[in-house]
Amino acid sequence: MSWSRTRSTVAETNGRLDALIARWVRLAVLAAALAGCTSTHHGGAPATTSTAPTASATTSTSASTTTSGPARTTTTARGAGCTLDELNVTSPGTQGAAGHQAAVIVFENRGSRTCVLTGYPGVAALDQSGHQVAQAERTPTGSIGGLSSAGEALPVVTVAPAGKASATVEGTSVPVGGASGCPTYSALEVTAPGETRSARLDVGLPGCSPLQVHPVVAGTTGSERH
């Protein structure tokens, strides 16, 4: 009886163990299934690409201001500079004394507004072919024209419509040193102060010494020393 009871107890215990193992297996399978579902839920979601908002391309076109009209009008607190389009550039001819010869350059305002001339005009000497062969040196005063004194400030000449201003350019006709002769310039190319364009004057001057040009002054004499 004792042996039979022992065998029955062992069998009963083994059955319980088998049932417990089976339950563990089912739990393990269920846990694995749940884990797989969870992994599928998180890993299978569609990939989302987050793109930072891109600012739409804005083309900013600055207002382009094109200044047209007469070349180089200089505007200062003293007024607008005279342009070549507004000026009639002439010369009454030459005058001379004691070996010096000069030409007065007259700037007449033929425009409709008042403008300003101040400083030195540019003067180039031309040969018979019209080529520039010399440039007049800028000096405040000379033997015939210019300012009252060398230390004087440059005049600011306001030229009303039909008004006139002038400057003197001069040279010498006496050979220097052992020179037997001097060049003679056939014409002058004149550029008003503040301008870049020039006017030709068919006025001849001797060039025994470098030409000199003096500042613009009021009136038509090219000189403050009347």
Protein backbone atom coordinates (compact mmCIF):
# COMPACT_ATOMS: atom_id res chain seq x y z
CA MET A 1 0.00 0.00 0.00
CA SER A 2 2.81 2.36 0.86
CA TRP A 3 4.52 1.96 -2.52
CA SER A 4 1.29 2.37 -4.43
CA ARG A 5 0.46 5.57 -2.56
CA THR A 6 3.92 6.95 -3.27
CA ARG A 7 3.58 6.30 -6.97
CA SER A 8 0.21 8.00 -7.02
CA THR A 9 1.64 11.03 -5.26
CA VAL A 10 4.53 11.30 -7.74
CA ALA A 11 2.18 11.01 -10.66
CA GLU A 12 -0.05 13.69 -9.20
CA THR A 13 2.96 15.97 -8.65
CA ASN A 14 4.21 15.42 -12.21
CA GLY A 15 0.81 16.30 -13.55
CA ARG A 16 0.76 19.51 -11.61
CA LEU A 17 4.26 20.34 -12.90
CA ASP A 18 3.20 19.62 -16.48
CA ALA A 19 0.18 21.86 -16.07
CA LEU A 20 2.30 24.59 -14.53
CA ILE A 21 4.88 24.29 -17.33
CA ALA A 22 2.14 24.40 -19.93
CA ARG A 23 0.73 27.53 -18.28
CA TRP A 24 4.20 29.13 -18.30
CA VAL A 25 4.61 28.25 -21.99
CA ARG A 26 1.23 29.81 -22.80
CA LEU A 27 2.13 32.89 -20.80
CA ALA A 28 5.50 33.07 -22.54
CA VAL A 29 3.84 32.75 -25.97
CA LEU A 30 1.28 35.39 -25.04
CA ALA A 31 3.98 37.70 -23.76
CA ALA A 32 5.98 37.19 -26.96
CA ALA A 33 2.87 37.87 -29.03
CA LEU A 34 2.15 41.04 -27.07
CA ALA A 35 5.76 42.17 -27.44
CA GLY A 36 5.59 41.55 -31.18
CA CYS A 37 2.40 43.54 -31.44
CA THR A 38 3.95 46.41 -29.50
CA SER A 39 7.10 46.33 -31.66
CA THR A 40 5.00 46.27 -34.83
CA HIS A 41 2.91 49.17 -33.62
CA HIS A 42 5.94 51.41 -32.92
CA GLY A 43 8.27 50.31 -35.67
CA GLY A 44 5.76 50.04 -38.46
CA ALA A 45 4.46 53.56 -38.39
CA PRO A 46 5.14 55.51 -41.65
CA ALA A 47 8.35 57.60 -41.58
CA THR A 48 7.62 61.26 -41.08
CA THR A 49 10.06 63.74 -42.56
CA SER A 50 9.96 66.99 -40.74
CA THR A 51 10.99 69.77 -43.09
CA ALA A 52 11.64 73.17 -41.64
CA PRO A 53 9.47 75.77 -43.30
CA THR A 54 11.30 77.19 -46.24
CA ALA A 55 10.83 80.88 -46.73
CA SER A 56 9.55 81.57 -50.18
CA ALA A 57 12.22 83.09 -52.35
CA THR A 58 11.61 86.81 -52.46
CA THR A 59 13.25 88.76 -55.21
CA SER A 60 13.83 92.29 -54.00
CA THR A 61 14.44 94.63 -56.85
CA SER A 62 15.95 97.90 -55.73
CA ALA A 63 14.73 100.91 -57.53
CA SER A 64 17.49 101.67 -59.98
CA THR A 65 17.86 105.38 -60.43
CA THR A 66 19.45 106.36 -63.69
CA THR A 67 20.52 109.93 -63.91
CA SER A 68 20.44 111.22 -67.42
CA GLY A 69 20.91 114.57 -68.95
CA PRO A 70 23.86 116.89 -69.26
CA ALA A 71 27.18 115.37 -68.30
CA ARG A 72 28.31 116.19 -64.82
CA THR A 73 26.35 118.96 -63.22
CA THR A 74 28.01 119.74 -59.90
CA THR A 75 25.59 120.72 -57.17
CA THR A 76 26.91 122.37 -54.04
CA ALA A 77 25.57 124.60 -51.34
CA ARG A 78 26.55 127.50 -53.56
CA GLY A 79 24.34 126.39 -56.43
CA ALA A 80 24.40 124.14 -59.45
CA GLY A 81 27.42 124.24 -61.71
CA CYS A 82 27.08 125.38 -65.30
CA THR A 83 27.18 122.64 -67.92
CA LEU A 84 28.47 122.83 -71.45
CA ASP A 85 24.91 122.54 -72.73
CA GLU A 86 24.11 125.80 -70.97
CA LEU A 87 27.24 127.68 -71.99
CA ASN A 88 28.30 129.50 -75.11
CA VAL A 89 32.12 129.45 -75.02
CA THR A 90 33.78 132.15 -77.12
CA SER A 91 36.83 134.41 -77.29
CA PRO A 92 37.06 137.95 -78.68
CA GLY A 93 40.62 137.27 -79.80
CA THR A 94 44.05 137.93 -78.40
CA GLN A 95 45.80 140.89 -76.88
CA GLY A 96 49.43 141.34 -75.93
CA ALA A 97 52.05 143.52 -74.32
CA ALA A 98 55.76 143.22 -73.54
CA GLY A 99 56.19 139.80 -75.05
CA HIS A 100 53.04 138.37 -73.45
CA GLN A 101 49.95 137.42 -75.40
CA ALA A 102 46.61 136.44 -73.92
CA ALA A 103 43.17 135.27 -74.95
CA VAL A 104 40.06 135.86 -72.86
CA ILE A 105 37.67 132.94 -72.68
CA VAL A 106 34.06 134.06 -72.22
CA PHE A 107 31.39 131.77 -70.76
CA GLU A 108 27.88 133.01 -71.55
CA ASN A 109 24.89 131.39 -69.85
CA ARG A 110 22.47 130.60 -72.65
CA GLY A 111 20.30 128.41 -70.42
CA SER A 112 17.14 129.22 -68.52
CA ARG A 113 18.50 128.85 -64.99
CA THR A 114 21.14 130.55 -62.93
CA CYS A 115 24.29 128.47 -62.52
CA VAL A 116 27.70 128.76 -60.88
CA LEU A 117 31.27 128.74 -62.17
CA THR A 118 34.21 128.60 -59.80
CA GLY A 119 37.86 127.63 -60.20
CA TYR A 120 40.02 127.04 -63.23
CA PRO A 121 38.90 125.99 -66.69
CA GLY A 122 40.90 123.28 -68.36
CA VAL A 123 42.81 124.52 -71.41
CA ALA A 124 44.72 122.34 -73.87
CA ALA A 125 46.78 123.73 -76.76
CA LEU A 126 46.17 122.14 -80.15
CA ASP A 127 48.45 121.87 -83.15
CA GLN A 128 47.37 122.32 -86.77
CA SER A 129 46.09 118.73 -86.85
CA GLY A 130 43.87 119.29 -83.83
CA HIS A 131 46.02 117.17 -81.50
CA GLN A 132 46.67 118.22 -77.93
CA VAL A 133 50.31 119.19 -77.56
CA ALA A 134 50.35 121.13 -74.29
CA GLN A 135 48.29 121.79 -71.16
CA ALA A 136 47.97 125.24 -69.62
CA GLU A 137 49.31 125.55 -66.08
CA ARG A 138 46.89 126.85 -63.46
CA THR A 139 48.04 130.05 -61.81
CA PRO A 140 45.94 132.57 -59.86
CA THR A 141 47.35 135.61 -61.62
CA GLY A 142 49.60 136.53 -64.52
CA SER A 143 51.00 139.43 -66.51
CA ILE A 144 47.68 140.24 -68.19
CA GLY A 145 44.78 138.64 -66.32
CA GLY A 146 43.71 136.70 -63.27
CA LEU A 147 42.89 137.57 -59.68
CA SER A 148 43.82 140.74 -57.86
CA SER A 149 46.38 138.86 -55.77
CA ALA A 150 47.85 135.37 -55.68
CA GLY A 151 46.57 134.70 -52.15
CA GLU A 152 42.96 135.52 -52.94
CA ALA A 153 40.29 132.86 -52.58
CA LEU A 154 38.77 131.54 -55.79
CA PRO A 155 35.70 133.59 -56.74
CA VAL A 156 32.31 131.90 -56.84
CA VAL A 157 30.72 133.43 -59.93
CA THR A 158 26.93 133.20 -60.19
CA VAL A 159 25.90 133.45 -63.81
CA ALA A 160 22.30 134.40 -64.50
CA PRO A 161 20.67 133.57 -67.84
CA ALA A 162 22.37 135.71 -70.52
CA GLY A 163 25.05 136.58 -67.97
CA LYS A 164 28.79 136.15 -68.60
CA ALA A 165 31.93 135.08 -66.79
CA SER A 166 35.47 134.82 -68.14
CA ALA A 167 39.01 133.54 -67.67
CA THR A 168 42.34 134.45 -69.20
CA VAL A 169 44.89 132.12 -70.78
CA GLU A 170 48.26 133.59 -71.72
CA GLY A 171 51.63 132.69 -73.17
CA THR A 172 54.85 134.43 -74.20
CA SER A 173 56.30 135.21 -77.59
CA VAL A 174 59.93 135.76 -76.50
CA PRO A 175 62.25 132.78 -77.00
CA VAL A 176 63.86 131.53 -73.82
CA GLY A 177 67.61 130.97 -73.53
CA GLY A 178 69.25 130.14 -76.83
CA ALA A 179 66.04 129.11 -78.58
CA SER A 180 65.69 130.57 -82.04
CA GLY A 181 61.92 130.31 -82.14
CA CYS A 182 58.80 129.20 -80.31
CA PRO A 183 55.89 126.96 -81.12
CA THR A 184 52.62 128.57 -82.04
CA TYR A 185 49.43 126.83 -81.05
CA SER A 186 46.64 126.92 -83.61
CA ALA A 187 43.65 126.49 -81.31
CA LEU A 188 42.55 125.89 -77.73
CA GLU A 189 40.36 123.18 -76.25
CA VAL A 190 38.47 124.60 -73.27
CA THR A 191 36.68 122.71 -70.50
CA ALA A 192 34.54 124.74 -68.12
CA PRO A 193 35.10 124.19 -64.36
CA GLY A 194 33.26 121.10 -63.17
CA GLU A 195 32.64 119.84 -66.71
CA THR A 196 34.13 116.94 -68.67
CA ARG A 197 33.23 117.99 -72.19
CA SER A 198 35.14 120.61 -74.10
CA ALA A 199 34.67 123.36 -76.66
CA ARG A 200 37.20 124.31 -79.32
CA LEU A 201 38.26 127.90 -79.81
CA ASP A 202 40.16 128.81 -82.96
CA VAL A 203 42.48 131.21 -81.15
CA GLY A 204 46.24 130.97 -81.59
CA LEU A 205 48.79 131.65 -78.87
CA PRO A 206 52.60 131.51 -78.76
CA GLY A 207 54.27 128.93 -76.56
CA CYS A 208 57.75 130.23 -75.80
CA SER A 209 56.94 129.46 -72.17
CA PRO A 210 54.22 127.19 -70.81
CA LEU A 211 50.70 128.56 -71.21
CA GLN A 212 49.00 129.78 -68.05
CA VAL A 213 45.27 129.85 -67.31
CA HIS A 214 43.72 131.89 -64.51
CA PRO A 215 40.50 131.38 -62.51
CA VAL A 216 37.04 132.31 -63.73
CA VAL A 217 35.97 135.81 -62.71
CA ALA A 218 32.82 137.83 -63.22
CA GLY A 219 32.44 139.89 -66.40
CA THR A 220 34.15 139.59 -69.76
CA THR A 221 37.71 140.81 -69.16
CA GLY A 222 39.15 137.67 -67.57
CA SER A 223 40.73 139.82 -64.91
CA GLU A 224 39.91 141.44 -61.59
CA ARG A 225 42.53 144.10 -62.32
CA HIS A 226 40.53 146.40 -64.56
